[in-house]
């Protein structure tokens, strides 16, 4: 199992749990978290249940605006 910086992945039999792990920033989403989440979902593909949760007091505050990528003409989403 891979090690991640912004999420946690735990498996227990057929159940996988992915925890967004930036509680100091209310788990706000970054480009790095997006890449790690895609990888963790692929890693958990053999599970029958996938639980997605957030560490601390908030699930996810949305995109971390300090991590946005600015291009000529506006803001480019990390999802593009």
PDB file of N, CA and C in Angstrom:
ATOM      1  N   UNK A   1       0.851  -1.181   0.000  1.00  0.00           N
ATOM      2  CA  UNK A   1       0.000   0.000   0.000  1.00  0.00           C
ATOM      3  C   UNK A   1       0.896   1.244   0.000  1.00  0.00           C
ATOM      4  N   UNK A   2       0.534   2.216  -0.817  1.00  0.00           N
ATOM      5  CA  UNK A   2       1.310   3.453  -0.934  1.00  0.00           C
ATOM      6  C   UNK A   2       1.126   4.328   0.308  1.00  0.00           C
ATOM      7  N   UNK A   3       2.098   5.193   0.545  1.00  0.00           N
ATOM      8  CA  UNK A   3       1.979   6.173   1.621  1.00  0.00           C
ATOM      9  C   UNK A   3       1.627   7.512   1.006  1.00  0.00           C
ATOM     10  N   UNK A   4       0.747   8.253   1.672  1.00  0.00           N
ATOM     11  CA  UNK A   4       0.246   9.518   1.160  1.00  0.00           C
ATOM     12  C   UNK A   4       0.523  10.632   2.158  1.00  0.00           C
ATOM     13  N   UNK A   5       0.563  11.870   1.666  1.00  0.00           N
ATOM     14  CA  UNK A   5       0.799  13.026   2.525  1.00  0.00           C
ATOM     15  C   UNK A   5      -0.491  13.705   2.965  1.00  0.00           C
ATOM     16  N   UNK A   6      -1.542  13.657   2.126  1.00  0.00           N
ATOM     17  CA  UNK A   6      -2.753  14.429   2.417  1.00  0.00           C
ATOM     18  C   UNK A   6      -3.984  13.574   2.672  1.00  0.00           C
ATOM     19  N   UNK A   7      -3.857  12.275   2.524  1.00  0.00           N
ATOM     20  CA  UNK A   7      -4.972  11.363   2.801  1.00  0.00           C
ATOM     21  C   UNK A   7      -4.447  10.149   3.556  1.00  0.00           C
ATOM     22  N   UNK A   8      -5.375   9.391   4.116  1.00  0.00           N
ATOM     23  CA  UNK A   8      -5.060   8.109   4.735  1.00  0.00           C
ATOM     24  C   UNK A   8      -5.884   7.048   4.035  1.00  0.00           C
ATOM     25  N   UNK A   9      -5.309   5.896   3.763  1.00  0.00           N
ATOM     26  CA  UNK A   9      -6.032   4.766   3.186  1.00  0.00           C
ATOM     27  C   UNK A   9      -5.872   3.580   4.111  1.00  0.00           C
ATOM     28  N   UNK A  10      -7.012   3.035   4.557  1.00  0.00           N
ATOM     29  CA  UNK A  10      -7.021   1.855   5.410  1.00  0.00           C
ATOM     30  C   UNK A  10      -7.943   0.826   4.776  1.00  0.00           C
ATOM     31  N   UNK A  11      -7.538  -0.428   4.806  1.00  0.00           N
ATOM     32  CA  UNK A  11      -8.404  -1.496   4.315  1.00  0.00           C
ATOM     33  C   UNK A  11      -8.581  -2.532   5.411  1.00  0.00           C
ATOM     34  N   UNK A  12      -9.790  -3.068   5.478  1.00  0.00           N
ATOM     35  CA  UNK A  12     -10.119  -4.112   6.438  1.00  0.00           C
ATOM     36  C   UNK A  12     -11.062  -5.077   5.723  1.00  0.00           C
ATOM     37  N   UNK A  13     -10.486  -6.135   5.183  1.00  0.00           N
ATOM     38  CA  UNK A  13     -11.285  -7.073   4.404  1.00  0.00           C
ATOM     39  C   UNK A  13     -11.858  -6.371   3.176  1.00  0.00           C
ATOM     40  N   UNK A  14     -13.176  -6.450   2.990  1.00  0.00           N
ATOM     41  CA  UNK A  14     -13.784  -5.840   1.801  1.00  0.00           C
ATOM     42  C   UNK A  14     -14.067  -4.343   1.930  1.00  0.00           C
ATOM     43  N   UNK A  15     -13.677  -3.751   3.068  1.00  0.00           N
ATOM     44  CA  UNK A  15     -13.980  -2.337   3.317  1.00  0.00           C
ATOM     45  C   UNK A  15     -12.699  -1.503   3.229  1.00  0.00           C
ATOM     46  N   UNK A  16     -12.751  -0.429   2.437  1.00  0.00           N
ATOM     47  CA  UNK A  16     -11.639   0.529   2.361  1.00  0.00           C
ATOM     48  C   UNK A  16     -12.145   1.865   2.895  1.00  0.00           C
ATOM     49  N   UNK A  17     -11.291   2.544   3.641  1.00  0.00           N
ATOM     50  CA  UNK A  17     -11.639   3.863   4.178  1.00  0.00           C
ATOM     51  C   UNK A  17     -10.565   4.841   3.729  1.00  0.00           C
ATOM     52  N   UNK A  18     -11.013   5.907   3.052  1.00  0.00           N
ATOM     53  CA  UNK A  18     -10.119   6.994   2.665  1.00  0.00           C
ATOM     54  C   UNK A  18     -10.491   8.199   3.512  1.00  0.00           C
ATOM     55  N   UNK A  19      -9.499   8.741   4.219  1.00  0.00           N
ATOM     56  CA  UNK A  19      -9.712   9.903   5.074  1.00  0.00           C
ATOM     57  C   UNK A  19      -8.940  11.081   4.508  1.00  0.00           C
ATOM     58  N   UNK A  20      -9.647  12.163   4.207  1.00  0.00           N
ATOM     59  CA  UNK A  20      -8.983  13.407   3.828  1.00  0.00           C
ATOM     60  C   UNK A  20      -8.282  13.898   5.082  1.00  0.00           C
ATOM     61  N   UNK A  21      -6.975  14.120   5.020  1.00  0.00           N
ATOM     62  CA  UNK A  21      -6.201  14.330   6.243  1.00  0.00           C
ATOM     63  C   UNK A  21      -5.454  15.663   6.249  1.00  0.00           C
ATOM     64  N   UNK A  22      -6.221  16.748   6.207  1.00  0.00           N
ATOM     65  CA  UNK A  22      -5.678  18.096   6.395  1.00  0.00           C
ATOM     66  C   UNK A  22      -6.585  18.833   7.374  1.00  0.00           C
ATOM     67  N   UNK A  23      -6.727  18.309   8.592  1.00  0.00           N
ATOM     68  CA  UNK A  23      -7.698  18.884   9.522  1.00  0.00           C
ATOM     69  C   UNK A  23      -7.414  20.341   9.885  1.00  0.00           C
ATOM     70  N   UNK A  24      -6.164  20.755   9.819  1.00  0.00           N
ATOM     71  CA  UNK A  24      -5.810  22.145  10.113  1.00  0.00           C
ATOM     72  C   UNK A  24      -6.364  23.106   9.064  1.00  0.00           C
ATOM     73  N   UNK A  25      -6.693  22.606   7.879  1.00  0.00           N
ATOM     74  CA  UNK A  25      -7.258  23.410   6.792  1.00  0.00           C
ATOM     75  C   UNK A  25      -8.679  22.938   6.452  1.00  0.00           C
ATOM     76  N   UNK A  26      -9.326  22.278   7.410  1.00  0.00           N
ATOM     77  CA  UNK A  26     -10.671  21.707   7.220  1.00  0.00           C
ATOM     78  C   UNK A  26     -10.724  20.813   5.989  1.00  0.00           C
ATOM     79  N   UNK A  27      -9.622  20.108   5.725  1.00  0.00           N
ATOM     80  CA  UNK A  27      -9.509  19.159   4.621  1.00  0.00           C
ATOM     81  C   UNK A  27      -9.771  19.799   3.262  1.00  0.00           C
ATOM     82  N   UNK A  28      -9.423  21.082   3.131  1.00  0.00           N
ATOM     83  CA  UNK A  28      -9.626  21.735   1.842  1.00  0.00           C
ATOM     84  C   UNK A  28      -8.774  21.043   0.782  1.00  0.00           C
ATOM     85  N   UNK A  29      -9.335  20.945  -0.411  1.00  0.00           N
ATOM     86  CA  UNK A  29      -8.791  20.127  -1.489  1.00  0.00           C
ATOM     87  C   UNK A  29      -7.664  20.835  -2.233  1.00  0.00           C
ATOM     88  N   UNK A  30      -6.570  20.112  -2.468  1.00  0.00           N
ATOM     89  CA  UNK A  30      -5.434  20.626  -3.223  1.00  0.00           C
ATOM     90  C   UNK A  30      -5.186  19.721  -4.428  1.00  0.00           C
ATOM     91  N   UNK A  31      -4.337  20.176  -5.332  1.00  0.00           N
ATOM     92  CA  UNK A  31      -3.977  19.356  -6.489  1.00  0.00           C
ATOM     93  C   UNK A  31      -3.301  18.057  -6.033  1.00  0.00           C
ATOM     94  N   UNK A  32      -2.447  18.146  -5.010  1.00  0.00           N
ATOM     95  CA  UNK A  32      -1.779  16.949  -4.490  1.00  0.00           C
ATOM     96  C   UNK A  32      -2.792  15.968  -3.917  1.00  0.00           C
ATOM     97  N   UNK A  33      -3.786  16.484  -3.192  1.00  0.00           N
ATOM     98  CA  UNK A  33      -4.822  15.622  -2.624  1.00  0.00           C
ATOM     99  C   UNK A  33      -5.615  14.947  -3.743  1.00  0.00           C
ATOM    100  N   UNK A  34      -5.907  15.671  -4.796  1.00  0.00           N
ATOM    101  CA  UNK A  34      -6.634  15.116  -5.937  1.00  0.00           C
ATOM    102  C   UNK A  34      -5.856  13.943  -6.531  1.00  0.00           C
ATOM    103  N   UNK A  35      -4.562  14.113  -6.765  1.00  0.00           N
ATOM    104  CA  UNK A  35      -3.734  13.037  -7.317  1.00  0.00           C
ATOM    105  C   UNK A  35      -3.694  11.838  -6.378  1.00  0.00           C
ATOM    106  N   UNK A  36      -3.523  12.094  -5.085  1.00  0.00           N
ATOM    107  CA  UNK A  36      -3.475  11.005  -4.116  1.00  0.00           C
ATOM    108  C   UNK A  36      -4.809  10.274  -4.035  1.00  0.00           C
ATOM    109  N   UNK A  37      -5.909  11.021  -4.095  1.00  0.00           N
ATOM    110  CA  UNK A  37      -7.234  10.408  -4.023  1.00  0.00           C
ATOM    111  C   UNK A  37      -7.477   9.503  -5.224  1.00  0.00           C
ATOM    112  N   UNK A  38      -7.101   9.968  -6.424  1.00  0.00           N
ATOM    113  CA  UNK A  38      -7.250   9.122  -7.617  1.00  0.00           C
ATOM    114  C   UNK A  38      -6.457   7.836  -7.453  1.00  0.00           C
ATOM    115  N   UNK A  39      -5.224   7.933  -6.964  1.00  0.00           N
ATOM    116  CA  UNK A  39      -4.381   6.758  -6.777  1.00  0.00           C
ATOM    117  C   UNK A  39      -4.972   5.819  -5.722  1.00  0.00           C
ATOM    118  N   UNK A  40      -5.447   6.372  -4.611  1.00  0.00           N
ATOM    119  CA  UNK A  40      -6.007   5.549  -3.532  1.00  0.00           C
ATOM    120  C   UNK A  40      -7.279   4.830  -3.982  1.00  0.00           C
ATOM    121  N   UNK A  41      -8.110   5.493  -4.776  1.00  0.00           N
ATOM    122  CA  UNK A  41      -9.317   4.837  -5.286  1.00  0.00           C
ATOM    123  C   UNK A  41      -8.933   3.667  -6.177  1.00  0.00           C
ATOM    124  N   UNK A  42      -7.926   3.851  -7.022  1.00  0.00           N
ATOM    125  CA  UNK A  42      -7.442   2.731  -7.841  1.00  0.00           C
ATOM    126  C   UNK A  42      -6.910   1.614  -6.969  1.00  0.00           C
ATOM    127  N   UNK A  43      -6.197   1.977  -5.900  1.00  0.00           N
ATOM    128  CA  UNK A  43      -5.621   0.986  -4.994  1.00  0.00           C
ATOM    129  C   UNK A  43      -6.709   0.201  -4.245  1.00  0.00           C
ATOM    130  N   UNK A  44      -7.839   0.834  -4.004  1.00  0.00           N
ATOM    131  CA  UNK A  44      -8.941   0.203  -3.270  1.00  0.00           C
ATOM    132  C   UNK A  44      -9.957  -0.456  -4.204  1.00  0.00           C
ATOM    133  N   UNK A  45      -9.622  -0.609  -5.453  1.00  0.00           N
ATOM    134  CA  UNK A  45     -10.573  -1.119  -6.452  1.00  0.00           C
ATOM    135  C   UNK A  45     -11.133  -2.506  -6.114  1.00  0.00           C
ATOM    136  N   UNK A  46     -10.400  -3.315  -5.381  1.00  0.00           N
ATOM    137  CA  UNK A  46     -10.873  -4.647  -5.028  1.00  0.00           C
ATOM    138  C   UNK A  46     -11.833  -4.665  -3.842  1.00  0.00           C
ATOM    139  N   UNK A  47     -12.050  -3.545  -3.225  1.00  0.00           N
ATOM    140  CA  UNK A  47     -12.940  -3.467  -2.060  1.00  0.00           C
ATOM    141  C   UNK A  47     -14.398  -3.433  -2.511  1.00  0.00           C
ATOM    142  N   UNK A  48     -15.263  -3.915  -1.648  1.00  0.00           N
ATOM    143  CA  UNK A  48     -16.704  -3.874  -1.945  1.00  0.00           C
ATOM    144  C   UNK A  48     -17.352  -2.596  -1.434  1.00  0.00           C
ATOM    145  N   UNK A  49     -16.733  -1.987  -0.404  1.00  0.00           N
ATOM    146  CA  UNK A  49     -17.267  -0.765   0.195  1.00  0.00           C
ATOM    147  C   UNK A  49     -16.127   0.238   0.291  1.00  0.00           C
ATOM    148  N   UNK A  50     -16.416   1.479  -0.093  1.00  0.00           N
ATOM    149  CA  UNK A  50     -15.442   2.554   0.049  1.00  0.00           C
ATOM    150  C   UNK A  50     -16.071   3.664   0.877  1.00  0.00           C
ATOM    151  N   UNK A  51     -15.467   3.948   2.034  1.00  0.00           N
ATOM    152  CA  UNK A  51     -15.937   5.006   2.916  1.00  0.00           C
ATOM    153  C   UNK A  51     -15.013   6.202   2.715  1.00  0.00           C
ATOM    154  N   UNK A  52     -15.585   7.354   2.414  1.00  0.00           N
ATOM    155  CA  UNK A  52     -14.815   8.587   2.248  1.00  0.00           C
ATOM    156  C   UNK A  52     -15.186   9.512   3.393  1.00  0.00           C
ATOM    157  N   UNK A  53     -14.194   9.909   4.177  1.00  0.00           N
ATOM    158  CA  UNK A  53     -14.438  10.727   5.354  1.00  0.00           C
ATOM    159  C   UNK A  53     -13.347  11.787   5.476  1.00  0.00           C
ATOM    160  N   UNK A  54     -13.514  12.676   6.432  1.00  0.00           N
ATOM    161  CA  UNK A  54     -12.530  13.725   6.666  1.00  0.00           C
ATOM    162  C   UNK A  54     -12.061  13.700   8.106  1.00  0.00           C
ATOM    163  N   UNK A  55     -10.796  14.019   8.316  1.00  0.00           N
ATOM    164  CA  UNK A  55     -10.232  14.086   9.662  1.00  0.00           C
ATOM    165  C   UNK A  55     -10.644  15.397  10.328  1.00  0.00           C
ATOM    166  N   UNK A  56     -10.818  15.355  11.634  1.00  0.00           N
ATOM    167  CA  UNK A  56     -11.138  16.574  12.372  1.00  0.00           C
ATOM    168  C   UNK A  56     -12.605  16.935  12.319  1.00  0.00           C
ATOM    169  N   UNK A  57     -12.886  18.229  12.436  1.00  0.00           N
ATOM    170  CA  UNK A  57     -14.265  18.683  12.611  1.00  0.00           C
ATOM    171  C   UNK A  57     -15.019  18.958  11.321  1.00  0.00           C
ATOM    172  N   UNK A  58     -14.358  18.885  10.172  1.00  0.00           N
ATOM    173  CA  UNK A  58     -15.051  19.151   8.913  1.00  0.00           C
ATOM    174  C   UNK A  58     -14.685  18.129   7.861  1.00  0.00           C
ATOM    175  N   UNK A  59     -15.682  17.728   7.064  1.00  0.00           N
ATOM    176  CA  UNK A  59     -15.408  16.760   6.000  1.00  0.00           C
ATOM    177  C   UNK A  59     -14.478  17.366   4.962  1.00  0.00           C
ATOM    178  N   UNK A  60     -14.892  18.479   4.337  1.00  0.00           N
ATOM    179  CA  UNK A  60     -14.074  19.136   3.321  1.00  0.00           C
ATOM    180  C   UNK A  60     -14.629  20.536   3.080  1.00  0.00           C
ATOM    181  N   UNK A  61     -13.781  21.535   3.181  1.00  0.00           N
ATOM    182  CA  UNK A  61     -14.202  22.922   3.010  1.00  0.00           C
ATOM    183  C   UNK A  61     -14.196  23.357   1.547  1.00  0.00           C
ATOM    184  N   UNK A  62     -13.968  22.428   0.632  1.00  0.00           N
ATOM    185  CA  UNK A  62     -13.896  22.776  -0.783  1.00  0.00           C
ATOM    186  C   UNK A  62     -12.449  22.917  -1.213  1.00  0.00           C
ATOM    187  N   UNK A  63     -12.244  23.565  -2.360  1.00  0.00           N
ATOM    188  CA  UNK A  63     -10.893  23.722  -2.875  1.00  0.00           C
ATOM    189  C   UNK A  63     -10.103  24.712  -2.032  1.00  0.00           C
ATOM    190  N   UNK A  64      -8.849  24.375  -1.772  1.00  0.00           N
ATOM    191  CA  UNK A  64      -7.949  25.281  -1.063  1.00  0.00           C
ATOM    192  C   UNK A  64      -7.572  26.400  -2.024  1.00  0.00           C
ATOM    193  N   UNK A  65      -8.054  27.605  -1.779  1.00  0.00           N
ATOM    194  CA  UNK A  65      -7.832  28.717  -2.693  1.00  0.00           C
ATOM    195  C   UNK A  65      -6.375  29.150  -2.737  1.00  0.00           C
ATOM    196  N   UNK A  66      -5.574  28.756  -1.769  1.00  0.00           N
ATOM    197  CA  UNK A  66      -4.139  29.028  -1.817  1.00  0.00           C
ATOM    198  C   UNK A  66      -3.425  28.111  -2.785  1.00  0.00           C
ATOM    199  N   UNK A  67      -4.094  27.074  -3.271  1.00  0.00           N
ATOM    200  CA  UNK A  67      -3.497  26.083  -4.158  1.00  0.00           C
ATOM    201  C   UNK A  67      -3.984  26.236  -5.595  1.00  0.00           C
ATOM    202  N   UNK A  68      -4.802  27.226  -5.864  1.00  0.00           N
ATOM    203  CA  UNK A  68      -5.348  27.362  -7.216  1.00  0.00           C
ATOM    204  C   UNK A  68      -4.250  27.715  -8.211  1.00  0.00           C
ATOM    205  N   UNK A  69      -4.490  27.313  -9.456  1.00  0.00           N
ATOM    206  CA  UNK A  69      -3.552  27.580 -10.527  1.00  0.00           C
ATOM    207  C   UNK A  69      -4.119  28.707 -11.381  1.00  0.00           C
ATOM    208  N   UNK A  70      -3.430  29.814 -11.427  1.00  0.00           N
ATOM    209  CA  UNK A  70      -3.914  30.972 -12.161  1.00  0.00           C
ATOM    210  C   UNK A  70      -3.258  30.986 -13.535  1.00  0.00           C
ATOM    211  N   UNK A  71      -4.085  31.173 -14.557  1.00  0.00           N
ATOM    212  CA  UNK A  71      -3.577  31.279 -15.915  1.00  0.00           C
ATOM    213  C   UNK A  71      -4.081  32.581 -16.522  1.00  0.00           C
ATOM    214  N   UNK A  72      -3.538  32.939 -17.667  1.00  0.00           N
ATOM    215  CA  UNK A  72      -3.994  34.141 -18.353  1.00  0.00           C
ATOM    216  C   UNK A  72      -5.475  33.976 -18.657  1.00  0.00           C
ATOM    217  N   UNK A  73      -6.280  34.938 -18.239  1.00  0.00           N
ATOM    218  CA  UNK A  73      -7.711  34.870 -18.498  1.00  0.00           C
ATOM    219  C   UNK A  73      -8.517  34.320 -17.340  1.00  0.00           C
ATOM    220  N   UNK A  74      -7.880  33.959 -16.240  1.00  0.00           N
ATOM    221  CA  UNK A  74      -8.676  33.511 -15.095  1.00  0.00           C
ATOM    222  C   UNK A  74      -8.066  32.344 -14.363  1.00  0.00           C
ATOM    223  N   UNK A  75      -8.893  31.703 -13.583  1.00  0.00           N
ATOM    224  CA  UNK A  75      -8.483  30.585 -12.742  1.00  0.00           C
ATOM    225  C   UNK A  75      -8.763  29.285 -13.475  1.00  0.00           C
ATOM    226  N   UNK A  76      -7.792  28.424 -13.497  1.00  0.00           N
ATOM    227  CA  UNK A  76      -7.963  27.111 -14.102  1.00  0.00           C
ATOM    228  C   UNK A  76      -8.192  26.102 -12.988  1.00  0.00           C
ATOM    229  N   UNK A  77      -9.196  25.311 -13.102  1.00  0.00           N
ATOM    230  CA  UNK A  77      -9.541  24.343 -12.063  1.00  0.00           C
ATOM    231  C   UNK A  77      -8.528  23.224 -12.014  1.00  0.00           C
ATOM    232  N   UNK A  78      -8.333  22.613 -10.828  1.00  0.00           N
ATOM    233  CA  UNK A  78      -7.470  21.445 -10.704  1.00  0.00           C
ATOM    234  C   UNK A  78      -8.108  20.227 -11.361  1.00  0.00           C
ATOM    235  N   UNK A  79      -9.406  20.290 -11.677  1.00  0.00           N
ATOM    236  CA  UNK A  79     -10.116  19.160 -12.278  1.00  0.00           C
ATOM    237  C   UNK A  79      -9.906  19.094 -13.783  1.00  0.00           C
ATOM    238  N   UNK A  80      -9.383  20.141 -14.381  1.00  0.00           N
ATOM    239  CA  UNK A  80      -9.228  20.175 -15.841  1.00  0.00           C
ATOM    240  C   UNK A  80      -8.149  19.220 -16.301  1.00  0.00           C
TER     241      UNK A  80
END
